[in-house]
Amino acid sequence: KQWYQRRVRADTNRPDFKMVKLTRSQDGFGFSIVGGKDNVPPLPITIKQVFENGPAYGNLKRGDVIISVNGKSIEDYTREQATLLLKSCTETVTLFIHHQSHDRN
């Protein structure tokens, strides 16, 4: 966790960090997550999959790290805590993400 927090604090002005605002569809925000502090070893909350034609499609990529949800840091969250927070966002969500360099969706 500490290595990632130091990296985030040092790099927040780089173009690979961005805010993404999504509007919920009837099927959700269109992505799934992995990671969390309960993961062995602990990992940041990361985009596992982006569903085609969902709200996140074209905005998020597999491997992107979610740093905050609506301004609330999730760096110390378990995957379950992050999932519950995301599900509590009923209409829109604003994510601060670190886009990892890769070509996968």
PDB file of N, CA and C in Angstrom:
ATOM      1  N   LYS A   1       0.825  -1.190   0.000  1.00  0.00           N
ATOM      2  CA  LYS A   1       0.000   0.000   0.000  1.00  0.00           C
ATOM      3  C   LYS A   1       0.867   1.250   0.000  1.00  0.00           C
ATOM      4  N   GLN A   2       1.852   1.315   0.851  1.00  0.00           N
ATOM      5  CA  GLN A   2       2.635   2.535   0.980  1.00  0.00           C
ATOM      6  C   GLN A   2       3.347   2.901  -0.312  1.00  0.00           C
ATOM      7  N   TRP A   3       3.900   1.922  -1.023  1.00  0.00           N
ATOM      8  CA  TRP A   3       4.584   2.238  -2.275  1.00  0.00           C
ATOM      9  C   TRP A   3       3.626   2.876  -3.259  1.00  0.00           C
ATOM     10  N   TYR A   4       2.387   2.402  -3.285  1.00  0.00           N
ATOM     11  CA  TYR A   4       1.427   2.939  -4.242  1.00  0.00           C
ATOM     12  C   TYR A   4       1.003   4.353  -3.856  1.00  0.00           C
ATOM     13  N   GLN A   5       0.782   4.604  -2.559  1.00  0.00           N
ATOM     14  CA  GLN A   5       0.394   5.945  -2.134  1.00  0.00           C
ATOM     15  C   GLN A   5       1.486   6.958  -2.458  1.00  0.00           C
ATOM     16  N   ARG A   6       2.731   6.601  -2.218  1.00  0.00           N
ATOM     17  CA  ARG A   6       3.815   7.525  -2.542  1.00  0.00           C
ATOM     18  C   ARG A   6       3.840   7.807  -4.041  1.00  0.00           C
ATOM     19  N   ARG A   7       3.646   6.794  -4.841  1.00  0.00           N
ATOM     20  CA  ARG A   7       3.659   6.950  -6.298  1.00  0.00           C
ATOM     21  C   ARG A   7       2.503   7.846  -6.752  1.00  0.00           C
ATOM     22  N   VAL A   8       1.321   7.626  -6.191  1.00  0.00           N
ATOM     23  CA  VAL A   8       0.154   8.428  -6.572  1.00  0.00           C
ATOM     24  C   VAL A   8       0.371   9.882  -6.200  1.00  0.00           C
ATOM     25  N   ARG A   9       0.826  10.139  -4.999  1.00  0.00           N
ATOM     26  CA  ARG A   9       1.034  11.523  -4.571  1.00  0.00           C
ATOM     27  C   ARG A   9       2.055  12.229  -5.459  1.00  0.00           C
ATOM     28  N   ALA A  10       3.046  11.495  -5.922  1.00  0.00           N
ATOM     29  CA  ALA A  10       4.101  12.098  -6.733  1.00  0.00           C
ATOM     30  C   ALA A  10       3.667  12.331  -8.176  1.00  0.00           C
ATOM     31  N   ASP A  11       2.679  11.581  -8.666  1.00  0.00           N
ATOM     32  CA  ASP A  11       2.389  11.567 -10.090  1.00  0.00           C
ATOM     33  C   ASP A  11       1.020  12.130 -10.488  1.00  0.00           C
ATOM     34  N   THR A  12       0.292  12.773  -9.608  1.00  0.00           N
ATOM     35  CA  THR A  12      -1.088  13.143  -9.920  1.00  0.00           C
ATOM     36  C   THR A  12      -1.237  14.180 -11.024  1.00  0.00           C
ATOM     37  N   ASN A  13      -0.179  14.833 -11.448  1.00  0.00           N
ATOM     38  CA  ASN A  13      -0.286  15.790 -12.551  1.00  0.00           C
ATOM     39  C   ASN A  13       0.011  15.164 -13.901  1.00  0.00           C
ATOM     40  N   ARG A  14       0.320  13.899 -13.939  1.00  0.00           N
ATOM     41  CA  ARG A  14       0.632  13.238 -15.203  1.00  0.00           C
ATOM     42  C   ARG A  14      -0.651  12.911 -15.963  1.00  0.00           C
ATOM     43  N   PRO A  15      -0.568  12.810 -17.289  1.00  0.00           N
ATOM     44  CA  PRO A  15      -1.773  12.553 -18.088  1.00  0.00           C
ATOM     45  C   PRO A  15      -2.365  11.150 -17.896  1.00  0.00           C
ATOM     46  N   ASP A  16      -1.627  10.224 -17.274  1.00  0.00           N
ATOM     47  CA  ASP A  16      -2.181   8.890 -17.057  1.00  0.00           C
ATOM     48  C   ASP A  16      -3.063   8.831 -15.810  1.00  0.00           C
ATOM     49  N   PHE A  17      -3.272   9.972 -15.147  1.00  0.00           N
ATOM     50  CA  PHE A  17      -4.239  10.089 -14.058  1.00  0.00           C
ATOM     51  C   PHE A  17      -5.395  10.925 -14.574  1.00  0.00           C
ATOM     52  N   LYS A  18      -6.621  10.483 -14.298  1.00  0.00           N
ATOM     53  CA  LYS A  18      -7.748  11.285 -14.775  1.00  0.00           C
ATOM     54  C   LYS A  18      -8.988  11.033 -13.944  1.00  0.00           C
ATOM     55  N   MET A  19      -9.916  11.990 -14.037  1.00  0.00           N
ATOM     56  CA  MET A  19     -11.236  11.857 -13.426  1.00  0.00           C
ATOM     57  C   MET A  19     -12.176  11.326 -14.495  1.00  0.00           C
ATOM     58  N   VAL A  20     -12.977  10.356 -14.121  1.00  0.00           N
ATOM     59  CA  VAL A  20     -13.950   9.769 -15.040  1.00  0.00           C
ATOM     60  C   VAL A  20     -15.315   9.816 -14.369  1.00  0.00           C
ATOM     61  N   LYS A  21     -16.274  10.462 -15.020  1.00  0.00           N
ATOM     62  CA  LYS A  21     -17.643  10.512 -14.499  1.00  0.00           C
ATOM     63  C   LYS A  21     -18.505   9.574 -15.332  1.00  0.00           C
ATOM     64  N   LEU A  22     -19.198   8.680 -14.646  1.00  0.00           N
ATOM     65  CA  LEU A  22     -20.050   7.691 -15.312  1.00  0.00           C
ATOM     66  C   LEU A  22     -21.480   7.831 -14.812  1.00  0.00           C
ATOM     67  N   THR A  23     -22.430   7.630 -15.714  1.00  0.00           N
ATOM     68  CA  THR A  23     -23.845   7.600 -15.363  1.00  0.00           C
ATOM     69  C   THR A  23     -24.316   6.155 -15.386  1.00  0.00           C
ATOM     70  N   ARG A  24     -24.930   5.744 -14.303  1.00  0.00           N
ATOM     71  CA  ARG A  24     -25.383   4.355 -14.154  1.00  0.00           C
ATOM     72  C   ARG A  24     -26.447   4.010 -15.196  1.00  0.00           C
ATOM     73  N   SER A  25     -26.301   2.825 -15.798  1.00  0.00           N
ATOM     74  CA  SER A  25     -27.340   2.291 -16.681  1.00  0.00           C
ATOM     75  C   SER A  25     -28.175   1.316 -15.860  1.00  0.00           C
ATOM     76  N   GLN A  26     -29.147   0.693 -16.494  1.00  0.00           N
ATOM     77  CA  GLN A  26     -29.959  -0.291 -15.763  1.00  0.00           C
ATOM     78  C   GLN A  26     -29.121  -1.487 -15.313  1.00  0.00           C
ATOM     79  N   ASP A  27     -27.967  -1.692 -15.953  1.00  0.00           N
ATOM     80  CA  ASP A  27     -27.094  -2.807 -15.595  1.00  0.00           C
ATOM     81  C   ASP A  27     -25.906  -2.391 -14.729  1.00  0.00           C
ATOM     82  N   GLY A  28     -25.853  -1.148 -14.290  1.00  0.00           N
ATOM     83  CA  GLY A  28     -24.753  -0.675 -13.453  1.00  0.00           C
ATOM     84  C   GLY A  28     -23.839   0.264 -14.221  1.00  0.00           C
ATOM     85  N   PHE A  29     -22.584   0.348 -13.776  1.00  0.00           N
ATOM     86  CA  PHE A  29     -21.624   1.260 -14.393  1.00  0.00           C
ATOM     87  C   PHE A  29     -20.791   0.595 -15.488  1.00  0.00           C
ATOM     88  N   GLY A  30     -20.936  -0.710 -15.665  1.00  0.00           N
ATOM     89  CA  GLY A  30     -20.303  -1.380 -16.793  1.00  0.00           C
ATOM     90  C   GLY A  30     -18.877  -1.853 -16.586  1.00  0.00           C
ATOM     91  N   PHE A  31     -18.503  -2.155 -15.327  1.00  0.00           N
ATOM     92  CA  PHE A  31     -17.168  -2.697 -15.072  1.00  0.00           C
ATOM     93  C   PHE A  31     -17.184  -3.546 -13.812  1.00  0.00           C
ATOM     94  N   SER A  32     -16.173  -4.395 -13.686  1.00  0.00           N
ATOM     95  CA  SER A  32     -15.980  -5.175 -12.462  1.00  0.00           C
ATOM     96  C   SER A  32     -14.584  -4.890 -11.923  1.00  0.00           C
ATOM     97  N   ILE A  33     -14.375  -5.197 -10.635  1.00  0.00           N
ATOM     98  CA  ILE A  33     -13.111  -4.871  -9.978  1.00  0.00           C
ATOM     99  C   ILE A  33     -12.472  -6.094  -9.321  1.00  0.00           C
ATOM    100  N   VAL A  34     -11.172  -5.978  -9.066  1.00  0.00           N
ATOM    101  CA  VAL A  34     -10.408  -6.967  -8.299  1.00  0.00           C
ATOM    102  C   VAL A  34      -9.481  -6.204  -7.358  1.00  0.00           C
ATOM    103  N   GLY A  35      -8.794  -6.948  -6.491  1.00  0.00           N
ATOM    104  CA  GLY A  35      -7.821  -6.358  -5.589  1.00  0.00           C
ATOM    105  C   GLY A  35      -8.429  -6.022  -4.248  1.00  0.00           C
ATOM    106  N   GLY A  36      -7.753  -5.162  -3.514  1.00  0.00           N
ATOM    107  CA  GLY A  36      -8.194  -4.746  -2.194  1.00  0.00           C
ATOM    108  C   GLY A  36      -7.185  -5.105  -1.127  1.00  0.00           C
ATOM    109  N   LYS A  37      -7.348  -4.501   0.035  1.00  0.00           N
ATOM    110  CA  LYS A  37      -6.373  -4.722   1.103  1.00  0.00           C
ATOM    111  C   LYS A  37      -6.438  -6.133   1.666  1.00  0.00           C
ATOM    112  N   ASP A  38      -7.542  -6.855   1.425  1.00  0.00           N
ATOM    113  CA  ASP A  38      -7.654  -8.225   1.901  1.00  0.00           C
ATOM    114  C   ASP A  38      -7.081  -9.231   0.905  1.00  0.00           C
ATOM    115  N   ASN A  39      -6.680  -8.763  -0.252  1.00  0.00           N
ATOM    116  CA  ASN A  39      -6.038  -9.618  -1.246  1.00  0.00           C
ATOM    117  C   ASN A  39      -4.661 -10.031  -0.718  1.00  0.00           C
ATOM    118  N   VAL A  40      -4.198 -11.217  -1.103  1.00  0.00           N
ATOM    119  CA  VAL A  40      -2.858 -11.652  -0.696  1.00  0.00           C
ATOM    120  C   VAL A  40      -1.997 -11.769  -1.939  1.00  0.00           C
ATOM    121  N   PRO A  41      -0.992 -10.903  -2.113  1.00  0.00           N
ATOM    122  CA  PRO A  41      -0.684  -9.738  -1.279  1.00  0.00           C
ATOM    123  C   PRO A  41      -1.695  -8.624  -1.531  1.00  0.00           C
ATOM    124  N   PRO A  42      -1.792  -7.637  -0.598  1.00  0.00           N
ATOM    125  CA  PRO A  42      -2.724  -6.526  -0.806  1.00  0.00           C
ATOM    126  C   PRO A  42      -2.419  -5.795  -2.117  1.00  0.00           C
ATOM    127  N   LEU A  43      -3.471  -5.511  -2.870  1.00  0.00           N
ATOM    128  CA  LEU A  43      -3.339  -4.827  -4.156  1.00  0.00           C
ATOM    129  C   LEU A  43      -4.326  -3.678  -4.223  1.00  0.00           C
ATOM    130  N   PRO A  44      -4.024  -2.650  -5.019  1.00  0.00           N
ATOM    131  CA  PRO A  44      -5.014  -1.574  -5.193  1.00  0.00           C
ATOM    132  C   PRO A  44      -6.258  -2.103  -5.903  1.00  0.00           C
ATOM    133  N   ILE A  45      -7.380  -1.432  -5.691  1.00  0.00           N
ATOM    134  CA  ILE A  45      -8.617  -1.781  -6.394  1.00  0.00           C
ATOM    135  C   ILE A  45      -8.407  -1.458  -7.873  1.00  0.00           C
ATOM    136  N   THR A  46      -8.595  -2.469  -8.700  1.00  0.00           N
ATOM    137  CA  THR A  46      -8.242  -2.391 -10.118  1.00  0.00           C
ATOM    138  C   THR A  46      -9.415  -2.848 -10.979  1.00  0.00           C
ATOM    139  N   ILE A  47      -9.555  -2.246 -12.155  1.00  0.00           N
ATOM    140  CA  ILE A  47     -10.593  -2.661 -13.100  1.00  0.00           C
ATOM    141  C   ILE A  47     -10.253  -4.047 -13.634  1.00  0.00           C
ATOM    142  N   LYS A  48     -11.158  -5.000 -13.424  1.00  0.00           N
ATOM    143  CA  LYS A  48     -10.970  -6.368 -13.922  1.00  0.00           C
ATOM    144  C   LYS A  48     -11.494  -6.500 -15.343  1.00  0.00           C
ATOM    145  N   GLN A  49     -12.679  -5.929 -15.579  1.00  0.00           N
ATOM    146  CA  GLN A  49     -13.319  -6.060 -16.885  1.00  0.00           C
ATOM    147  C   GLN A  49     -14.179  -4.836 -17.157  1.00  0.00           C
ATOM    148  N   VAL A  50     -14.194  -4.403 -18.404  1.00  0.00           N
ATOM    149  CA  VAL A  50     -15.080  -3.326 -18.863  1.00  0.00           C
ATOM    150  C   VAL A  50     -16.052  -3.969 -19.843  1.00  0.00           C
ATOM    151  N   PHE A  51     -17.337  -3.799 -19.585  1.00  0.00           N
ATOM    152  CA  PHE A  51     -18.352  -4.451 -20.406  1.00  0.00           C
ATOM    153  C   PHE A  51     -18.689  -3.598 -21.626  1.00  0.00           C
ATOM    154  N   GLU A  52     -18.668  -4.241 -22.780  1.00  0.00           N
ATOM    155  CA  GLU A  52     -18.937  -3.558 -24.039  1.00  0.00           C
ATOM    156  C   GLU A  52     -20.292  -2.869 -23.995  1.00  0.00           C
ATOM    157  N   ASN A  53     -20.309  -1.632 -24.480  1.00  0.00           N
ATOM    158  CA  ASN A  53     -21.508  -0.786 -24.559  1.00  0.00           C
ATOM    159  C   ASN A  53     -22.037  -0.322 -23.201  1.00  0.00           C
ATOM    160  N   GLY A  54     -21.323  -0.600 -22.116  1.00  0.00           N
ATOM    161  CA  GLY A  54     -21.708  -0.087 -20.804  1.00  0.00           C
ATOM    162  C   GLY A  54     -21.167   1.322 -20.608  1.00  0.00           C
ATOM    163  N   PRO A  55     -21.575   2.005 -19.532  1.00  0.00           N
ATOM    164  CA  PRO A  55     -21.125   3.377 -19.290  1.00  0.00           C
ATOM    165  C   PRO A  55     -19.598   3.526 -19.213  1.00  0.00           C
ATOM    166  N   ALA A  56     -18.900   2.522 -18.732  1.00  0.00           N
ATOM    167  CA  ALA A  56     -17.437   2.615 -18.586  1.00  0.00           C
ATOM    168  C   ALA A  56     -16.694   2.359 -19.893  1.00  0.00           C
ATOM    169  N   TYR A  57     -17.370   1.773 -20.881  1.00  0.00           N
ATOM    170  CA  TYR A  57     -16.720   1.413 -22.136  1.00  0.00           C
ATOM    171  C   TYR A  57     -16.168   2.664 -22.824  1.00  0.00           C
ATOM    172  N   GLY A  58     -14.896   2.645 -23.137  1.00  0.00           N
ATOM    173  CA  GLY A  58     -14.241   3.788 -23.751  1.00  0.00           C
ATOM    174  C   GLY A  58     -13.691   4.785 -22.746  1.00  0.00           C
ATOM    175  N   ASN A  59     -14.053   4.642 -21.468  1.00  0.00           N
ATOM    176  CA  ASN A  59     -13.589   5.534 -20.406  1.00  0.00           C
ATOM    177  C   ASN A  59     -12.596   4.864 -19.463  1.00  0.00           C
ATOM    178  N   LEU A  60     -12.786   3.572 -19.239  1.00  0.00           N
ATOM    179  CA  LEU A  60     -11.904   2.798 -18.369  1.00  0.00           C
ATOM    180  C   LEU A  60     -11.308   1.656 -19.167  1.00  0.00           C
ATOM    181  N   LYS A  61     -10.178   1.162 -18.701  1.00  0.00           N
ATOM    182  CA  LYS A  61      -9.513   0.012 -19.329  1.00  0.00           C
ATOM    183  C   LYS A  61      -9.191  -1.021 -18.257  1.00  0.00           C
ATOM    184  N   ARG A  62      -9.142  -2.264 -18.666  1.00  0.00           N
ATOM    185  CA  ARG A  62      -8.716  -3.328 -17.769  1.00  0.00           C
ATOM    186  C   ARG A  62      -7.329  -2.969 -17.217  1.00  0.00           C
ATOM    187  N   GLY A  63      -7.163  -3.077 -15.905  1.00  0.00           N
ATOM    188  CA  GLY A  63      -5.896  -2.757 -15.266  1.00  0.00           C
ATOM    189  C   GLY A  63      -5.821  -1.354 -14.693  1.00  0.00           C
ATOM    190  N   ASP A  64      -6.786  -0.477 -15.034  1.00  0.00           N
ATOM    191  CA  ASP A  64      -6.800   0.859 -14.437  1.00  0.00           C
ATOM    192  C   ASP A  64      -7.009   0.725 -12.931  1.00  0.00           C
ATOM    193  N   VAL A  65      -6.312   1.544 -12.165  1.00  0.00           N
ATOM    194  CA  VAL A  65      -6.413   1.533 -10.712  1.00  0.00           C
ATOM    195  C   VAL A  65      -7.364   2.643 -10.271  1.00  0.00           C
ATOM    196  N   ILE A  66      -8.349   2.294  -9.441  1.00  0.00           N
ATOM    197  CA  ILE A  66      -9.276   3.290  -8.899  1.00  0.00           C
ATOM    198  C   ILE A  66      -8.671   3.824  -7.602  1.00  0.00           C
ATOM    199  N   ILE A  67      -8.400   5.109  -7.574  1.00  0.00           N
ATOM    200  CA  ILE A  67      -7.805   5.741  -6.402  1.00  0.00           C
ATOM    201  C   ILE A  67      -8.887   6.291  -5.475  1.00  0.00           C
ATOM    202  N   SER A  68      -9.935   6.884  -6.072  1.00  0.00           N
ATOM    203  CA  SER A  68     -11.023   7.401  -5.242  1.00  0.00           C
ATOM    204  C   SER A  68     -12.354   7.282  -5.968  1.00  0.00           C
ATOM    205  N   VAL A  69     -13.417   7.246  -5.162  1.00  0.00           N
ATOM    206  CA  VAL A  69     -14.796   7.189  -5.642  1.00  0.00           C
ATOM    207  C   VAL A  69     -15.511   8.400  -5.051  1.00  0.00           C
ATOM    208  N   ASN A  70     -15.971   9.298  -5.914  1.00  0.00           N
ATOM    209  CA  ASN A  70     -16.641  10.532  -5.476  1.00  0.00           C
ATOM    210  C   ASN A  70     -15.808  11.280  -4.431  1.00  0.00           C
ATOM    211  N   GLY A  71     -14.509  11.332  -4.654  1.00  0.00           N
ATOM    212  CA  GLY A  71     -13.612  12.070  -3.776  1.00  0.00           C
ATOM    213  C   GLY A  71     -13.160  11.328  -2.536  1.00  0.00           C
ATOM    214  N   LYS A  72     -13.651  10.122  -2.327  1.00  0.00           N
ATOM    215  CA  LYS A  72     -13.293   9.321  -1.147  1.00  0.00           C
ATOM    216  C   LYS A  72     -12.231   8.296  -1.538  1.00  0.00           C
ATOM    217  N   SER A  73     -11.072   8.371  -0.898  1.00  0.00           N
ATOM    218  CA  SER A  73      -9.995   7.429  -1.188  1.00  0.00           C
ATOM    219  C   SER A  73     -10.429   6.007  -0.854  1.00  0.00           C
ATOM    220  N   ILE A  74     -10.107   5.069  -1.749  1.00  0.00           N
ATOM    221  CA  ILE A  74     -10.418   3.660  -1.481  1.00  0.00           C
ATOM    222  C   ILE A  74      -9.130   2.835  -1.388  1.00  0.00           C
ATOM    223  N   GLU A  75      -8.016   3.499  -1.130  1.00  0.00           N
ATOM    224  CA  GLU A  75      -6.728   2.806  -1.067  1.00  0.00           C
ATOM    225  C   GLU A  75      -6.659   1.777   0.060  1.00  0.00           C
ATOM    226  N   ASP A  76      -7.450   1.943   1.125  1.00  0.00           N
ATOM    227  CA  ASP A  76      -7.449   0.994   2.241  1.00  0.00           C
ATOM    228  C   ASP A  76      -8.678   0.091   2.239  1.00  0.00           C
ATOM    229  N   TYR A  77      -9.386   0.012   1.136  1.00  0.00           N
ATOM    230  CA  TYR A  77     -10.624  -0.763   1.070  1.00  0.00           C
ATOM    231  C   TYR A  77     -10.370  -2.213   0.669  1.00  0.00           C
ATOM    232  N   THR A  78     -11.236  -3.087   1.152  1.00  0.00           N
ATOM    233  CA  THR A  78     -11.299  -4.448   0.615  1.00  0.00           C
ATOM    234  C   THR A  78     -12.106  -4.367  -0.678  1.00  0.00           C
ATOM    235  N   ARG A  79     -12.074  -5.434  -1.465  1.00  0.00           N
ATOM    236  CA  ARG A  79     -12.880  -5.446  -2.693  1.00  0.00           C
ATOM    237  C   ARG A  79     -14.359  -5.324  -2.351  1.00  0.00           C
ATOM    238  N   GLU A  80     -14.789  -6.006  -1.284  1.00  0.00           N
ATOM    239  CA  GLU A  80     -16.194  -5.943  -0.888  1.00  0.00           C
ATOM    240  C   GLU A  80     -16.595  -4.527  -0.483  1.00  0.00           C
ATOM    241  N   GLN A  81     -15.753  -3.828   0.271  1.00  0.00           N
ATOM    242  CA  GLN A  81     -16.054  -2.444   0.657  1.00  0.00           C
ATOM    243  C   GLN A  81     -16.152  -1.543  -0.576  1.00  0.00           C
ATOM    244  N   ALA A  82     -15.236  -1.720  -1.519  1.00  0.00           N
ATOM    245  CA  ALA A  82     -15.262  -0.918  -2.743  1.00  0.00           C
ATOM    246  C   ALA A  82     -16.514  -1.218  -3.561  1.00  0.00           C
ATOM    247  N   THR A  83     -16.888  -2.485  -3.643  1.00  0.00           N
ATOM    248  CA  THR A  83     -18.099  -2.878  -4.377  1.00  0.00           C
ATOM    249  C   THR A  83     -19.334  -2.243  -3.751  1.00  0.00           C
ATOM    250  N   LEU A  84     -19.424  -2.290  -2.427  1.00  0.00           N
ATOM    251  CA  LEU A  84     -20.579  -1.691  -1.745  1.00  0.00           C
ATOM    252  C   LEU A  84     -20.632  -0.184  -1.958  1.00  0.00           C
ATOM    253  N   LEU A  85     -19.485   0.475  -1.921  1.00  0.00           N
ATOM    254  CA  LEU A  85     -19.447   1.916  -2.163  1.00  0.00           C
ATOM    255  C   LEU A  85     -19.919   2.236  -3.581  1.00  0.00           C
ATOM    256  N   LEU A  86     -19.432   1.485  -4.555  1.00  0.00           N
ATOM    257  CA  LEU A  86     -19.840   1.712  -5.947  1.00  0.00           C
ATOM    258  C   LEU A  86     -21.336   1.450  -6.132  1.00  0.00           C
ATOM    259  N   LYS A  87     -21.848   0.410  -5.504  1.00  0.00           N
ATOM    260  CA  LYS A  87     -23.278   0.101  -5.625  1.00  0.00           C
ATOM    261  C   LYS A  87     -24.150   1.153  -4.956  1.00  0.00           C
ATOM    262  N   SER A  88     -23.595   1.872  -3.977  1.00  0.00           N
ATOM    263  CA  SER A  88     -24.365   2.911  -3.295  1.00  0.00           C
ATOM    264  C   SER A  88     -24.504   4.178  -4.151  1.00  0.00           C
ATOM    265  N   CYS A  89     -23.736   4.275  -5.211  1.00  0.00           N
ATOM    266  CA  CYS A  89     -23.826   5.418  -6.139  1.00  0.00           C
ATOM    267  C   CYS A  89     -24.984   5.151  -7.089  1.00  0.00           C
ATOM    268  N   THR A  90     -26.099   5.798  -6.845  1.00  0.00           N
ATOM    269  CA  THR A  90     -27.318   5.415  -7.550  1.00  0.00           C
ATOM    270  C   THR A  90     -27.454   5.998  -8.956  1.00  0.00           C
ATOM    271  N   GLU A  91     -26.917   7.183  -9.211  1.00  0.00           N
ATOM    272  CA  GLU A  91     -27.089   7.785 -10.538  1.00  0.00           C
ATOM    273  C   GLU A  91     -25.773   7.984 -11.267  1.00  0.00           C
ATOM    274  N   THR A  92     -24.818   8.635 -10.610  1.00  0.00           N
ATOM    275  CA  THR A  92     -23.521   8.890 -11.231  1.00  0.00           C
ATOM    276  C   THR A  92     -22.413   8.547 -10.242  1.00  0.00           C
ATOM    277  N   VAL A  93     -21.223   8.387 -10.781  1.00  0.00           N
ATOM    278  CA  VAL A  93     -20.037   8.182  -9.957  1.00  0.00           C
ATOM    279  C   VAL A  93     -18.875   8.900 -10.640  1.00  0.00           C
ATOM    280  N   THR A  94     -18.027   9.517  -9.824  1.00  0.00           N
ATOM    281  CA  THR A  94     -16.812  10.131 -10.336  1.00  0.00           C
ATOM    282  C   THR A  94     -15.630   9.367  -9.763  1.00  0.00           C
ATOM    283  N   LEU A  95     -14.836   8.799 -10.660  1.00  0.00           N
ATOM    284  CA  LEU A  95     -13.674   8.008 -10.268  1.00  0.00           C
ATOM    285  C   LEU A  95     -12.403   8.769 -10.600  1.00  0.00           C
ATOM    286  N   PHE A  96     -11.451   8.749  -9.679  1.00  0.00           N
ATOM    287  CA  PHE A  96     -10.103   9.232  -9.975  1.00  0.00           C
ATOM    288  C   PHE A  96      -9.290   7.979 -10.215  1.00  0.00           C
ATOM    289  N   ILE A  97      -8.755   7.844 -11.416  1.00  0.00           N
ATOM    290  CA  ILE A  97      -8.080   6.600 -11.793  1.00  0.00           C
ATOM    291  C   ILE A  97      -6.661   6.865 -12.275  1.00  0.00           C
ATOM    292  N   HIS A  98      -5.867   5.812 -12.139  1.00  0.00           N
ATOM    293  CA  HIS A  98      -4.535   5.803 -12.723  1.00  0.00           C
ATOM    294  C   HIS A  98      -4.586   4.807 -13.870  1.00  0.00           C
ATOM    295  N   HIS A  99      -4.477   5.332 -15.078  1.00  0.00           N
ATOM    296  CA  HIS A  99      -4.531   4.485 -16.275  1.00  0.00           C
ATOM    297  C   HIS A  99      -3.175   3.797 -16.480  1.00  0.00           C
ATOM    298  N   GLN A 100      -3.190   2.481 -16.436  1.00  0.00           N
ATOM    299  CA  GLN A 100      -1.991   1.702 -16.647  1.00  0.00           C
ATOM    300  C   GLN A 100      -1.713   1.596 -18.145  1.00  0.00           C
ATOM    301  N   SER A 101      -0.471   1.564 -18.522  1.00  0.00           N
ATOM    302  CA  SER A 101      -0.110   1.466 -19.947  1.00  0.00           C
ATOM    303  C   SER A 101      -0.258   0.028 -20.434  1.00  0.00           C
ATOM    304  N   HIS A 102      -1.245  -0.171 -21.300  1.00  0.00           N
ATOM    305  CA  HIS A 102      -1.515  -1.479 -21.919  1.00  0.00           C
ATOM    306  C   HIS A 102      -2.542  -1.284 -23.012  1.00  0.00           C
ATOM    307  N   ASP A 103      -2.752  -2.319 -23.789  1.00  0.00           N
ATOM    308  CA  ASP A 103      -3.669  -2.203 -24.918  1.00  0.00           C
ATOM    309  C   ASP A 103      -4.933  -3.026 -24.747  1.00  0.00           C
ATOM    310  N   ARG A 104      -5.142  -3.635 -23.594  1.00  0.00           N
ATOM    311  CA  ARG A 104      -6.305  -4.485 -23.385  1.00  0.00           C
ATOM    312  C   ARG A 104      -7.499  -3.663 -22.951  1.00  0.00           C
ATOM    313  N   ASN A 105      -8.726  -4.175 -23.221  1.00  0.00           N
ATOM    314  CA  ASN A 105      -9.944  -3.511 -22.799  1.00  0.00           C
ATOM    315  C   ASN A 105     -10.569  -4.213 -21.657  1.00  0.00           C
TER     316      ASN A 105
END
